[in-house]
């Protein structure tokens, strides 16, 4: 699995992350071409080689034109992303980042998120920083991001609303629950945009994980300190396999006894659209012996605000319970096979680096079956067989002692040339 470690010994900002990604090899031409898919103008993006405390790094600058940019709120940002021609995953990650930033500002100012209108959110450079970072990560193959504890700096920082202690109010709200520290270095080292990107992208905060290092990139900040290089260091490589993925999720539950049953199907779709990992309903008996339904939602912590909005808008509940819960799951990889009936994605699951199962994506198989008139089960069987031949090769044993050879048999447990967790296309070019 590909991994990217953000070493924030001198903090992090949006332009520092863009610089580190460019230093890792993300072409500036690709970045410019993808950013042109946004319906936003009035800026230019440039990269240059600089030194910080005698260490070479890449500095990315977003240069604004003379025309005054309008203030933008979260609805404006959402419209910009929705109208863009960017990939769905880039749009989704960028939207999650802006949602997180707006939610933090709303908490700081104690106003509704729809009333937040910020220069940090609306400024073109912030849009370019956040969307550009997602474009860069997509170019790198969406590696798993791990972040070091964040060096936030110390002292005071002056912004639009006045002078505040470091870290600033929005930055502090964004970094709640994450490891931070300060040293003798004066100034703001973690910006709101940097904190937004770190907390949106990182699956974990801590020391450098075990990896087979391939590249190191340095993204320069604006200031040049004498005592240390003001850079963000990004280490990219193959993470060494873990037996399984361990993470913490939130489990939300609410009980309902007065809602039209027709609404539950729509509610489930809306919850998944908001970022839920799992949704299920349990019939229960409530007070006054009324039959009811307990809705259980499992979601990542960054999605809880959007899940909350859906629950309160789409159901009759007036509240819900939630608690953090550990989760262990197999690593997954999405492969794509090109069958005679069309492309089909395969969900491959790995434990301790070995393929445990490979399942053709139902909707892809169904689409192919409907478009060609071939029975659905034939499409599924062909996709599984093709994946087994191309990913595994010769005869191998599956868990439980079953044998698997070439041809239309069970999915292979064999190791591919890439490690578990990566995304690759089988039978075609990326």
Protein backbone atom coordinates (compact mmCIF):
# COMPACT_ATOMS: atom_id res chain seq x y z
CA UNK A 1 0.00 0.00 0.00
CA UNK A 2 1.30 3.43 -0.90
CA UNK A 3 1.92 5.76 2.01
CA UNK A 4 2.68 9.45 2.49
CA UNK A 5 4.11 10.73 5.76
CA UNK A 6 3.80 14.47 6.45
CA UNK A 7 6.64 15.51 8.75
CA UNK A 8 5.36 18.81 10.18
CA UNK A 9 8.42 19.77 12.23
CA UNK A 10 7.95 23.34 10.94
CA UNK A 11 4.17 23.24 10.71
CA UNK A 12 2.04 22.97 7.59
CA UNK A 13 0.21 25.33 5.25
CA UNK A 14 -1.59 24.86 1.97
CA UNK A 15 1.28 26.17 -0.15
CA UNK A 16 3.81 24.06 1.77
CA UNK A 17 1.84 20.90 1.00
CA UNK A 18 1.54 21.87 -2.66
CA UNK A 19 5.29 22.50 -2.73
CA UNK A 20 6.04 19.12 -1.15
CA UNK A 21 3.79 17.35 -3.68
CA UNK A 22 5.48 19.17 -6.56
CA UNK A 23 8.86 18.24 -5.09
CA UNK A 24 7.76 14.59 -5.06
CA UNK A 25 7.18 14.81 -8.80
CA UNK A 26 3.61 15.99 -9.32
CA UNK A 27 3.98 17.95 -12.59
CA UNK A 28 3.07 21.62 -12.40
CA UNK A 29 1.52 21.33 -15.87
CA UNK A 30 -0.80 18.59 -14.61
CA UNK A 31 -1.74 20.70 -11.61
CA UNK A 32 -2.54 23.69 -13.80
CA UNK A 33 -4.54 21.61 -16.28
CA UNK A 34 -6.66 20.05 -13.55
CA UNK A 35 -7.23 23.35 -11.74
CA UNK A 36 -8.54 24.82 -15.00
CA UNK A 37 -11.47 22.45 -14.62
CA UNK A 38 -12.70 24.70 -11.80
CA UNK A 39 -15.00 27.58 -12.80
CA UNK A 40 -12.63 30.00 -11.03
CA UNK A 41 -10.33 32.59 -12.58
CA UNK A 42 -8.14 35.49 -11.53
CA UNK A 43 -5.04 33.59 -10.43
CA UNK A 44 -1.81 32.05 -11.66
CA UNK A 45 0.18 29.25 -10.06
CA UNK A 46 3.98 29.15 -10.14
CA UNK A 47 6.71 26.95 -8.65
CA UNK A 48 10.35 27.79 -7.97
CA UNK A 49 13.39 26.20 -6.36
CA UNK A 50 14.37 27.90 -3.11
CA UNK A 51 16.48 27.18 -0.04
CA UNK A 52 15.41 27.28 3.58
CA UNK A 53 18.29 27.18 6.10
CA UNK A 54 20.51 25.82 3.29
CA UNK A 55 18.04 23.02 2.43
CA UNK A 56 16.67 22.90 -1.11
CA UNK A 57 12.87 22.91 -1.46
CA UNK A 58 10.04 23.76 -3.86
CA UNK A 59 7.99 26.91 -3.27
CA UNK A 60 4.55 27.03 -4.87
CA UNK A 61 2.87 30.43 -5.08
CA UNK A 62 -0.69 31.32 -6.02
CA UNK A 63 -0.57 34.78 -7.57
CA UNK A 64 -3.84 36.68 -7.64
CA UNK A 65 -4.94 39.08 -10.36
CA UNK A 66 -5.99 42.66 -9.81
CA UNK A 67 -9.72 41.97 -9.94
CA UNK A 68 -11.41 41.80 -6.56
CA UNK A 69 -12.65 38.33 -5.72
CA UNK A 70 -16.13 37.91 -4.21
CA UNK A 71 -16.58 36.63 -0.69
CA UNK A 72 -17.69 33.04 -0.77
CA UNK A 73 -19.46 30.80 1.71
CA UNK A 74 -19.74 27.04 1.80
CA UNK A 75 -22.68 26.97 -0.64
CA UNK A 76 -20.63 28.93 -3.16
CA UNK A 77 -17.71 26.53 -2.74
CA UNK A 78 -20.01 23.54 -3.17
CA UNK A 79 -21.42 24.99 -6.40
CA UNK A 80 -17.90 25.58 -7.72
CA UNK A 81 -16.91 21.98 -7.00
CA UNK A 82 -20.15 20.55 -8.39
CA UNK A 83 -19.78 22.50 -11.63
CA UNK A 84 -16.16 21.50 -12.11
CA UNK A 85 -14.92 18.70 -14.35
CA UNK A 86 -12.66 17.26 -11.66
CA UNK A 87 -12.82 13.59 -10.72
CA UNK A 88 -15.46 12.56 -8.20
CA UNK A 89 -12.85 11.62 -5.60
CA UNK A 90 -11.05 14.97 -5.85
CA UNK A 91 -14.39 16.80 -5.48
CA UNK A 92 -15.39 14.64 -2.52
CA UNK A 93 -12.13 15.16 -0.62
CA UNK A 94 -12.09 18.89 -1.36
CA UNK A 95 -15.68 19.24 -0.18
CA UNK A 96 -14.85 17.37 3.03
CA UNK A 97 -11.94 19.74 3.66
CA UNK A 98 -14.04 22.87 3.14
CA UNK A 99 -16.83 21.44 5.29
CA UNK A 100 -14.33 20.86 8.08
CA UNK A 101 -12.93 24.39 7.82
CA UNK A 102 -16.38 26.00 7.82
CA UNK A 103 -17.53 23.88 10.75
CA UNK A 104 -14.50 25.01 12.75
CA UNK A 105 -15.15 28.68 11.99
CA UNK A 106 -18.82 28.25 12.88
CA UNK A 107 -17.87 26.79 16.27
CA UNK A 108 -15.37 29.58 16.93
CA UNK A 109 -17.83 32.36 16.10
CA UNK A 110 -20.83 30.40 17.46
CA UNK A 111 -22.96 30.91 14.39
CA UNK A 112 -24.66 28.59 11.92
CA UNK A 113 -22.33 27.17 9.26
CA UNK A 114 -24.47 28.68 6.47
CA UNK A 115 -23.72 32.13 7.89
CA UNK A 116 -19.96 31.68 7.72
CA UNK A 117 -18.42 33.90 5.06
CA UNK A 118 -14.67 33.88 5.33
CA UNK A 119 -11.74 35.16 3.39
CA UNK A 120 -9.99 31.87 4.25
CA UNK A 121 -12.84 29.90 2.69
CA UNK A 122 -13.65 32.18 -0.21
CA UNK A 123 -10.18 33.30 -1.27
CA UNK A 124 -8.97 31.86 -4.54
CA UNK A 125 -5.63 30.87 -3.05
CA UNK A 126 -7.39 28.70 -0.45
CA UNK A 127 -9.44 27.02 -3.18
CA UNK A 128 -6.30 26.36 -5.19
CA UNK A 129 -4.40 25.09 -2.13
CA UNK A 130 -7.10 22.62 -1.08
CA UNK A 131 -8.19 21.40 -4.50
CA UNK A 132 -4.58 21.36 -5.71
CA UNK A 133 -3.57 19.14 -2.79
CA UNK A 134 -6.29 16.63 -3.73
CA UNK A 135 -5.17 16.69 -7.36
CA UNK A 136 -1.60 15.97 -6.25
CA UNK A 137 -2.65 13.08 -4.03
CA UNK A 138 -4.70 11.62 -6.87
CA UNK A 139 -1.62 11.79 -9.11
CA UNK A 140 0.30 9.86 -6.43
CA UNK A 141 -2.41 7.19 -6.36
CA UNK A 142 -4.24 8.29 -3.20
CA UNK A 143 -1.66 7.04 -0.69
CA UNK A 144 -2.58 6.51 2.93
CA UNK A 145 -1.59 9.74 4.69
CA UNK A 146 -0.03 9.72 8.17
CA UNK A 147 0.91 12.96 9.88
CA UNK A 148 3.47 13.75 12.56
CA UNK A 149 2.54 15.74 15.67
CA UNK A 150 2.10 19.33 14.56
CA UNK A 151 4.58 22.07 15.52
CA UNK A 152 2.19 25.03 15.80
CA UNK A 153 4.60 27.79 16.87
CA UNK A 154 3.99 30.33 19.60
CA UNK A 155 3.32 34.04 20.15
CA UNK A 156 0.58 36.13 18.57
CA UNK A 157 -0.85 36.28 15.05
CA UNK A 158 -2.80 39.14 13.48
CA UNK A 159 -5.71 38.30 11.19
CA UNK A 160 -8.91 39.90 9.93
CA UNK A 161 -10.69 39.90 13.30
CA UNK A 162 -7.76 41.05 15.42
CA UNK A 163 -4.64 39.70 17.12
CA UNK A 164 -4.85 36.24 18.68
CA UNK A 165 -2.52 33.75 20.36
CA UNK A 166 -0.94 30.97 18.31
CA UNK A 167 -2.49 28.67 17.26
CA UNK A 168 -5.32 30.89 16.04
CA UNK A 169 -8.92 30.14 17.05
CA UNK A 170 -9.90 28.28 13.88
CA UNK A 171 -6.63 26.34 13.82
CA UNK A 172 -7.06 25.32 17.45
CA UNK A 173 -10.62 24.16 16.75
CA UNK A 174 -9.46 22.14 13.75
CA UNK A 175 -6.65 20.48 15.73
CA UNK A 176 -8.82 19.42 18.65
CA UNK A 177 -7.90 15.84 19.55
CA UNK A 178 -4.68 15.89 17.50
CA UNK A 179 -1.13 15.98 18.93
CA UNK A 180 0.43 19.47 18.81
CA UNK A 181 3.45 21.12 20.43
CA UNK A 182 5.39 24.39 20.52
CA UNK A 183 9.08 25.26 20.87
CA UNK A 184 11.04 28.49 20.94
CA UNK A 185 10.05 29.30 17.34
CA UNK A 186 7.92 32.45 17.20
CA UNK A 187 5.04 32.80 14.77
CA UNK A 188 2.16 30.88 13.25
CA UNK A 189 3.49 27.63 11.78
CA UNK A 190 0.16 25.87 11.16
CA UNK A 191 -2.38 27.85 9.16
CA UNK A 192 -6.12 27.12 9.09
CA UNK A 193 -5.76 25.72 5.57
CA UNK A 194 -2.83 23.56 6.65
CA UNK A 195 -4.72 22.28 9.68
CA UNK A 196 -7.73 21.55 7.48
CA UNK A 197 -5.68 19.50 5.02
CA UNK A 198 -3.81 17.60 7.74
CA UNK A 199 -6.93 16.63 9.66
CA UNK A 200 -8.94 15.80 6.54
CA UNK A 201 -6.31 13.65 4.87
CA UNK A 202 -4.44 11.93 7.71
CA UNK A 203 -5.74 8.59 8.91
CA UNK A 204 -3.39 8.73 11.88
CA UNK A 205 -1.06 11.10 13.74
CA UNK A 206 2.18 9.78 15.18
CA UNK A 207 5.69 8.59 14.31
CA UNK A 208 6.83 7.58 10.85
CA UNK A 209 5.27 4.21 9.99
CA UNK A 210 7.35 1.37 8.59
CA UNK A 211 7.73 1.93 4.86
CA UNK A 212 10.02 1.22 1.96
CA UNK A 213 10.98 4.82 1.18
CA UNK A 214 10.93 5.83 -2.48
CA UNK A 215 10.88 9.64 -2.59
CA UNK A 216 11.26 12.64 -0.28
CA UNK A 217 9.75 16.03 -1.09
CA UNK A 218 10.28 19.38 0.61
CA UNK A 219 7.67 22.13 0.39
CA UNK A 220 8.88 25.58 1.42
CA UNK A 221 7.05 28.07 3.59
CA UNK A 222 7.30 31.83 3.07
CA UNK A 223 9.59 32.59 6.03
CA UNK A 224 13.25 31.59 6.21
CA UNK A 225 14.37 30.81 9.77
CA UNK A 226 18.04 30.68 10.65
CA UNK A 227 17.81 27.85 13.17
CA UNK A 228 15.83 25.33 11.12
CA UNK A 229 14.53 24.84 7.56
CA UNK A 230 10.97 26.15 7.23
CA UNK A 231 9.73 23.27 5.10
CA UNK A 232 7.17 20.50 5.14
CA UNK A 233 8.87 17.17 4.53
CA UNK A 234 6.82 14.53 2.71
CA UNK A 235 8.08 10.93 2.66
CA UNK A 236 6.48 8.70 0.03
CA UNK A 237 6.82 4.94 -0.35
CA UNK A 238 5.30 1.52 0.15
CA UNK A 239 3.93 0.91 3.62
CA UNK A 240 5.03 -2.42 4.99
CA UNK A 241 2.07 -4.73 5.33
CA UNK A 242 0.11 -4.83 8.53
CA UNK A 243 -2.00 -7.89 9.24
CA UNK A 244 -5.17 -5.74 9.23
CA UNK A 245 -6.30 -2.13 9.40
CA UNK A 246 -7.16 -0.74 12.83
CA UNK A 247 -9.08 2.51 13.10
CA UNK A 248 -11.58 4.34 15.26
CA UNK A 249 -15.06 5.15 13.98
CA UNK A 250 -18.19 6.68 15.49
CA UNK A 251 -21.33 4.61 16.07
CA UNK A 252 -24.53 6.71 16.08
CA UNK A 253 -27.91 5.35 17.18
CA UNK A 254 -31.37 6.84 17.30
CA UNK A 255 -34.79 5.27 17.97
CA UNK A 256 -37.86 6.30 16.00
CA UNK A 257 -41.52 5.26 16.40
CA UNK A 258 -43.43 7.97 14.55
CA UNK A 259 -41.99 8.11 11.02
CA UNK A 260 -43.53 7.02 7.73
CA UNK A 261 -41.85 3.69 6.84
CA UNK A 262 -41.53 4.85 3.22
CA UNK A 263 -38.86 7.32 4.31
CA UNK A 264 -36.35 4.77 5.56
CA UNK A 265 -35.05 3.80 2.12
CA UNK A 266 -34.50 7.43 1.19
CA UNK A 267 -32.86 8.07 4.57
CA UNK A 268 -30.36 5.27 4.04
CA UNK A 269 -29.33 6.66 0.64
CA UNK A 270 -28.90 10.16 2.08
CA UNK A 271 -26.77 8.84 4.96
CA UNK A 272 -24.47 6.98 2.59
CA UNK A 273 -24.20 10.10 0.43
CA UNK A 274 -23.16 12.02 3.58
CA UNK A 275 -20.27 9.63 4.21
CA UNK A 276 -21.68 6.82 6.34
CA UNK A 277 -19.69 3.59 6.23
CA UNK A 278 -22.65 1.44 7.27
CA UNK A 279 -26.35 1.95 7.97
CA UNK A 280 -28.76 -0.64 9.31
CA UNK A 281 -32.19 -0.72 10.94
CA UNK A 282 -33.30 -2.90 13.86
CA UNK A 283 -36.97 -3.42 14.82
CA UNK A 284 -37.49 -2.68 18.53
CA UNK A 285 -40.28 -2.28 21.04
CA UNK A 286 -40.36 1.20 22.57
CA UNK A 287 -42.15 2.85 25.47
CA UNK A 288 -45.92 2.50 25.67
CA UNK A 289 -45.34 -0.79 23.82
CA UNK A 290 -44.99 0.97 20.48
CA UNK A 291 -43.14 -0.83 17.67
CA UNK A 292 -40.23 1.28 16.49
CA UNK A 293 -36.96 1.25 14.58
CA UNK A 294 -33.43 1.78 15.83
CA UNK A 295 -31.24 3.35 13.14
CA UNK A 296 -27.51 2.62 13.56
CA UNK A 297 -24.96 4.58 11.55
CA UNK A 298 -21.20 3.94 11.48
CA UNK A 299 -19.13 6.80 10.14
CA UNK A 300 -15.66 8.41 10.28
CA UNK A 301 -15.41 11.24 12.80
CA UNK A 302 -14.96 13.93 10.08
CA UNK A 303 -18.39 13.03 8.64
CA UNK A 304 -20.41 13.40 11.83
CA UNK A 305 -21.58 16.95 11.06
CA UNK A 306 -23.03 15.96 7.69
CA UNK A 307 -24.61 12.83 9.19
CA UNK A 308 -26.16 15.00 11.92
CA UNK A 309 -27.67 17.31 9.32
CA UNK A 310 -29.24 14.39 7.44
CA UNK A 311 -30.70 12.85 10.62
CA UNK A 312 -32.32 16.07 11.78
CA UNK A 313 -33.62 17.05 8.34
CA UNK A 314 -34.77 13.68 7.04
CA UNK A 315 -36.18 11.97 10.17
CA UNK A 316 -38.49 12.76 13.07
CA UNK A 317 -35.82 12.18 15.71
CA UNK A 318 -34.93 14.98 18.12
CA UNK A 319 -31.55 13.54 19.10
CA UNK A 320 -29.18 10.60 18.92
CA UNK A 321 -26.42 8.86 20.88
CA UNK A 322 -22.88 8.29 19.65
CA UNK A 323 -19.68 6.75 20.91
CA UNK A 324 -16.23 6.02 19.46
CA UNK A 325 -15.52 2.38 18.70
CA UNK A 326 -12.47 0.53 17.44
CA UNK A 327 -12.69 -1.34 14.16
CA UNK A 328 -10.44 -3.96 12.56
CA UNK A 329 -10.86 -4.73 8.89
CA UNK A 330 -8.92 -6.33 6.10
CA UNK A 331 -7.02 -4.10 3.74
CA UNK A 332 -8.84 -3.55 0.48
CA UNK A 333 -7.83 -2.79 -3.06
CA UNK A 334 -10.00 -1.93 -6.04
CA UNK A 335 -8.88 -3.60 -9.26
CA UNK A 336 -10.58 -3.22 -12.64
CA UNK A 337 -10.83 -6.04 -15.15
CA UNK A 338 -11.92 -5.58 -18.75
CA UNK A 339 -14.41 -8.33 -19.51
CA UNK A 340 -15.96 -8.97 -22.95
CA UNK A 341 -19.07 -7.28 -21.54
CA UNK A 342 -17.40 -4.13 -20.21
CA UNK A 343 -15.14 -3.00 -17.34
CA UNK A 344 -15.89 -4.42 -13.89
CA UNK A 345 -14.34 -3.34 -10.62
CA UNK A 346 -13.16 -6.05 -8.21
CA UNK A 347 -13.05 -5.53 -4.45
CA UNK A 348 -9.98 -7.44 -3.25
CA UNK A 349 -9.51 -7.97 0.52
CA UNK A 350 -6.16 -8.85 2.11
CA UNK A 351 -5.12 -10.18 5.49
CA UNK A 352 -1.43 -10.21 6.40
CA UNK A 353 -0.60 -9.42 2.78
CA UNK A 354 -2.53 -12.38 1.33
CA UNK A 355 -5.68 -12.17 -0.78
CA UNK A 356 -8.60 -13.58 1.17
CA UNK A 357 -11.40 -12.84 -1.30
CA UNK A 358 -12.13 -10.92 -4.50
CA UNK A 359 -15.70 -9.83 -5.23
CA UNK A 360 -16.95 -8.31 -8.50
CA UNK A 361 -18.80 -5.04 -7.97
CA UNK A 362 -22.50 -5.82 -8.30
CA UNK A 363 -23.55 -2.55 -9.96
CA UNK A 364 -20.80 -2.86 -12.60
CA UNK A 365 -21.85 -6.43 -13.37
CA UNK A 366 -25.52 -5.47 -13.49
CA UNK A 367 -24.82 -2.58 -15.87
CA UNK A 368 -22.82 -4.85 -18.15
CA UNK A 369 -25.53 -7.53 -18.07
CA UNK A 370 -28.29 -5.05 -18.95
CA UNK A 371 -26.31 -3.46 -21.77
CA UNK A 372 -25.31 -6.77 -23.40
CA UNK A 373 -28.25 -9.03 -22.54
CA UNK A 374 -25.93 -11.57 -20.92
CA UNK A 375 -27.15 -13.14 -17.65
CA UNK A 376 -25.82 -11.36 -14.56
CA UNK A 377 -24.28 -14.52 -13.11
CA UNK A 378 -22.24 -15.04 -16.30
CA UNK A 379 -20.80 -11.51 -16.06
CA UNK A 380 -19.92 -12.05 -12.40
CA UNK A 381 -18.28 -15.39 -13.13
CA UNK A 382 -16.27 -14.01 -16.05
CA UNK A 383 -15.05 -11.01 -14.00
CA UNK A 384 -13.96 -13.23 -11.10
CA UNK A 385 -12.24 -15.66 -13.46
CA UNK A 386 -10.39 -12.94 -15.33
CA UNK A 387 -9.21 -11.36 -12.09
CA UNK A 388 -7.99 -14.74 -10.81
CA UNK A 389 -6.02 -15.42 -14.02
CA UNK A 390 -4.43 -11.98 -14.29
CA UNK A 391 -3.78 -11.36 -10.59
CA UNK A 392 -2.77 -14.83 -9.49
CA UNK A 393 -1.49 -16.83 -12.42
CA UNK A 394 -1.02 -20.51 -11.63
CA UNK A 395 -2.60 -22.83 -9.13
CA UNK A 396 -2.71 -21.64 -5.50
CA UNK A 397 -4.46 -22.70 -2.35
CA UNK A 398 -7.26 -20.64 -0.86
CA UNK A 399 -8.01 -20.43 2.88
CA UNK A 400 -9.56 -23.69 4.03
CA UNK A 401 -7.55 -25.88 1.66
CA UNK A 402 -9.53 -25.31 -1.54
CA UNK A 403 -7.54 -25.39 -4.76
CA UNK A 404 -7.65 -22.73 -7.41
CA UNK A 405 -6.18 -22.96 -10.87
CA UNK A 406 -6.40 -21.12 -14.13
CA UNK A 407 -9.78 -20.52 -15.68
CA UNK A 408 -13.18 -19.85 -14.21
CA UNK A 409 -12.65 -20.75 -10.57
CA UNK A 410 -12.52 -19.00 -7.22
CA UNK A 411 -10.65 -15.73 -6.81
CA UNK A 412 -6.96 -16.05 -6.12
CA UNK A 413 -5.18 -15.57 -2.85
CA UNK A 414 -1.92 -14.98 -4.70
CA UNK A 415 0.07 -11.84 -4.17
CA UNK A 416 0.11 -9.32 -6.98
CA UNK A 417 3.22 -7.37 -7.87
CA UNK A 418 1.88 -4.43 -5.86
CA UNK A 419 1.19 -4.50 -2.18
CA UNK A 420 -2.23 -4.68 -0.60
CA UNK A 421 -4.18 -1.46 -0.41
CA UNK A 422 -3.08 0.06 -3.71
CA UNK A 423 -5.42 0.80 -6.58
CA UNK A 424 -4.58 -0.60 -9.98
CA UNK A 425 -6.21 -1.41 -13.29
CA UNK A 426 -5.92 -4.94 -14.63
CA UNK A 427 -6.25 -5.50 -18.36
CA UNK A 428 -5.76 -1.84 -19.27
CA UNK A 429 -3.78 1.30 -18.61
CA UNK A 430 -4.33 3.53 -15.54
